[in-house]
């Protein structure tokens, strides 16, 4: 597959200098920009999935009238956290 280009972005000289100051050894500006864009895309996709699950849960609540209490949700999250900690300690 051929690669595509991302449009050039104009930034203030100060931002460019800050960016260059944080580049790792051997890292290019293009690599940094590509990694940043990839990270932003992944973040926004995760955000969209989160909102979709929330909308579905709200629609289900409106349809059924059933909902978990805050205490039930916290207990469930605590159980998941405890299980994961146990798994990692083995």
C-alpha atoms as a PDB file:
ATOM      1  CA  UNK A   1       0.000   0.000   0.000  1.00  0.00           C
ATOM      2  CA  UNK A   2       1.278   3.448  -0.866  1.00  0.00           C
ATOM      3  CA  UNK A   3       1.733   5.910   1.932  1.00  0.00           C
ATOM      4  CA  UNK A   4      -0.151   9.179   2.004  1.00  0.00           C
ATOM      5  CA  UNK A   5       0.877  12.568   3.251  1.00  0.00           C
ATOM      6  CA  UNK A   6      -0.702  14.721   5.918  1.00  0.00           C
ATOM      7  CA  UNK A   7      -1.065  18.402   5.042  1.00  0.00           C
ATOM      8  CA  UNK A   8       1.615  20.730   6.284  1.00  0.00           C
ATOM      9  CA  UNK A   9       0.707  22.552   9.454  1.00  0.00           C
ATOM     10  CA  UNK A  10       1.934  26.056  10.180  1.00  0.00           C
ATOM     11  CA  UNK A  11       2.977  26.634  13.780  1.00  0.00           C
ATOM     12  CA  UNK A  12       4.638  29.414  15.698  1.00  0.00           C
ATOM     13  CA  UNK A  13       8.446  29.253  15.839  1.00  0.00           C
ATOM     14  CA  UNK A  14       8.235  28.771  19.621  1.00  0.00           C
ATOM     15  CA  UNK A  15       6.120  25.615  19.247  1.00  0.00           C
ATOM     16  CA  UNK A  16       8.478  24.262  16.592  1.00  0.00           C
ATOM     17  CA  UNK A  17      11.431  24.853  18.933  1.00  0.00           C
ATOM     18  CA  UNK A  18       9.613  23.128  21.820  1.00  0.00           C
ATOM     19  CA  UNK A  19       8.812  20.189  19.588  1.00  0.00           C
ATOM     20  CA  UNK A  20      12.377  19.830  18.396  1.00  0.00           C
ATOM     21  CA  UNK A  21      13.572  20.010  22.006  1.00  0.00           C
ATOM     22  CA  UNK A  22      11.541  16.939  22.981  1.00  0.00           C
ATOM     23  CA  UNK A  23      12.476  14.711  20.044  1.00  0.00           C
ATOM     24  CA  UNK A  24      14.236  11.539  21.135  1.00  0.00           C
ATOM     25  CA  UNK A  25      17.664  10.553  19.884  1.00  0.00           C
ATOM     26  CA  UNK A  26      17.347   9.703  16.186  1.00  0.00           C
ATOM     27  CA  UNK A  27      13.632  10.579  16.040  1.00  0.00           C
ATOM     28  CA  UNK A  28      12.555  12.738  13.145  1.00  0.00           C
ATOM     29  CA  UNK A  29       9.941  15.424  13.163  1.00  0.00           C
ATOM     30  CA  UNK A  30       7.897  13.369  10.685  1.00  0.00           C
ATOM     31  CA  UNK A  31       8.005  10.314  12.960  1.00  0.00           C
ATOM     32  CA  UNK A  32       6.876  12.416  15.913  1.00  0.00           C
ATOM     33  CA  UNK A  33       3.996  13.944  13.954  1.00  0.00           C
ATOM     34  CA  UNK A  34       2.877  10.553  12.609  1.00  0.00           C
ATOM     35  CA  UNK A  35       2.961   9.013  16.104  1.00  0.00           C
ATOM     36  CA  UNK A  36       1.046  11.979  17.526  1.00  0.00           C
ATOM     37  CA  UNK A  37      -1.635  11.754  14.845  1.00  0.00           C
ATOM     38  CA  UNK A  38      -1.926   7.984  15.343  1.00  0.00           C
ATOM     39  CA  UNK A  39      -2.316   8.476  19.091  1.00  0.00           C
ATOM     40  CA  UNK A  40      -4.970  11.173  18.619  1.00  0.00           C
ATOM     41  CA  UNK A  41      -6.927   8.965  16.209  1.00  0.00           C
ATOM     42  CA  UNK A  42      -6.843   6.038  18.660  1.00  0.00           C
ATOM     43  CA  UNK A  43      -7.933   8.329  21.517  1.00  0.00           C
ATOM     44  CA  UNK A  44     -10.864   9.730  19.552  1.00  0.00           C
ATOM     45  CA  UNK A  45     -11.954   6.244  18.472  1.00  0.00           C
ATOM     46  CA  UNK A  46     -11.904   5.094  22.114  1.00  0.00           C
ATOM     47  CA  UNK A  47     -13.865   8.197  23.072  1.00  0.00           C
ATOM     48  CA  UNK A  48     -16.479   7.461  20.394  1.00  0.00           C
ATOM     49  CA  UNK A  49     -16.836   3.849  21.595  1.00  0.00           C
ATOM     50  CA  UNK A  50     -17.227   5.068  25.188  1.00  0.00           C
ATOM     51  CA  UNK A  51     -19.976   7.489  24.209  1.00  0.00           C
ATOM     52  CA  UNK A  52     -21.714   4.822  22.112  1.00  0.00           C
ATOM     53  CA  UNK A  53     -21.766   2.455  25.111  1.00  0.00           C
ATOM     54  CA  UNK A  54     -23.128   5.258  27.290  1.00  0.00           C
ATOM     55  CA  UNK A  55     -25.846   6.098  24.780  1.00  0.00           C
ATOM     56  CA  UNK A  56     -26.808   2.427  24.516  1.00  0.00           C
ATOM     57  CA  UNK A  57     -26.952   2.087  28.304  1.00  0.00           C
ATOM     58  CA  UNK A  58     -29.102   5.207  28.571  1.00  0.00           C
ATOM     59  CA  UNK A  59     -31.459   3.966  25.839  1.00  0.00           C
ATOM     60  CA  UNK A  60     -31.705   0.600  27.613  1.00  0.00           C
ATOM     61  CA  UNK A  61     -32.504   2.346  30.901  1.00  0.00           C
ATOM     62  CA  UNK A  62     -35.194   4.481  29.279  1.00  0.00           C
ATOM     63  CA  UNK A  63     -36.728   1.403  27.636  1.00  0.00           C
ATOM     64  CA  UNK A  64     -36.593  -0.933  30.635  1.00  0.00           C
ATOM     65  CA  UNK A  65     -36.540   1.452  33.571  1.00  0.00           C
ATOM     66  CA  UNK A  66     -33.841  -0.708  35.146  1.00  0.00           C
ATOM     67  CA  UNK A  67     -30.568   0.703  36.342  1.00  0.00           C
ATOM     68  CA  UNK A  68     -27.738  -0.281  38.631  1.00  0.00           C
ATOM     69  CA  UNK A  69     -27.183   1.764  41.750  1.00  0.00           C
ATOM     70  CA  UNK A  70     -23.932   3.640  42.214  1.00  0.00           C
ATOM     71  CA  UNK A  71     -23.039   1.192  44.972  1.00  0.00           C
ATOM     72  CA  UNK A  72     -23.545  -1.786  42.649  1.00  0.00           C
ATOM     73  CA  UNK A  73     -21.366  -0.202  39.981  1.00  0.00           C
ATOM     74  CA  UNK A  74     -18.601   0.615  42.478  1.00  0.00           C
ATOM     75  CA  UNK A  75     -18.750  -2.900  43.942  1.00  0.00           C
ATOM     76  CA  UNK A  76     -18.444  -4.411  40.462  1.00  0.00           C
ATOM     77  CA  UNK A  77     -15.493  -2.170  39.593  1.00  0.00           C
ATOM     78  CA  UNK A  78     -13.828  -2.977  42.916  1.00  0.00           C
ATOM     79  CA  UNK A  79     -14.236  -6.703  42.265  1.00  0.00           C
ATOM     80  CA  UNK A  80     -12.637  -6.316  38.825  1.00  0.00           C
ATOM     81  CA  UNK A  81      -9.782  -4.312  40.326  1.00  0.00           C
ATOM     82  CA  UNK A  82      -9.235  -6.876  43.096  1.00  0.00           C
ATOM     83  CA  UNK A  83      -9.239  -9.735  40.574  1.00  0.00           C
ATOM     84  CA  UNK A  84      -6.721  -7.956  38.366  1.00  0.00           C
ATOM     85  CA  UNK A  85      -4.453  -7.172  41.305  1.00  0.00           C
ATOM     86  CA  UNK A  86      -4.617 -10.823  42.354  1.00  0.00           C
ATOM     87  CA  UNK A  87      -3.765 -11.905  38.832  1.00  0.00           C
ATOM     88  CA  UNK A  88      -0.780  -9.565  38.681  1.00  0.00           C
ATOM     89  CA  UNK A  89       0.548 -10.612  42.077  1.00  0.00           C
ATOM     90  CA  UNK A  90       0.828 -14.281  41.044  1.00  0.00           C
END
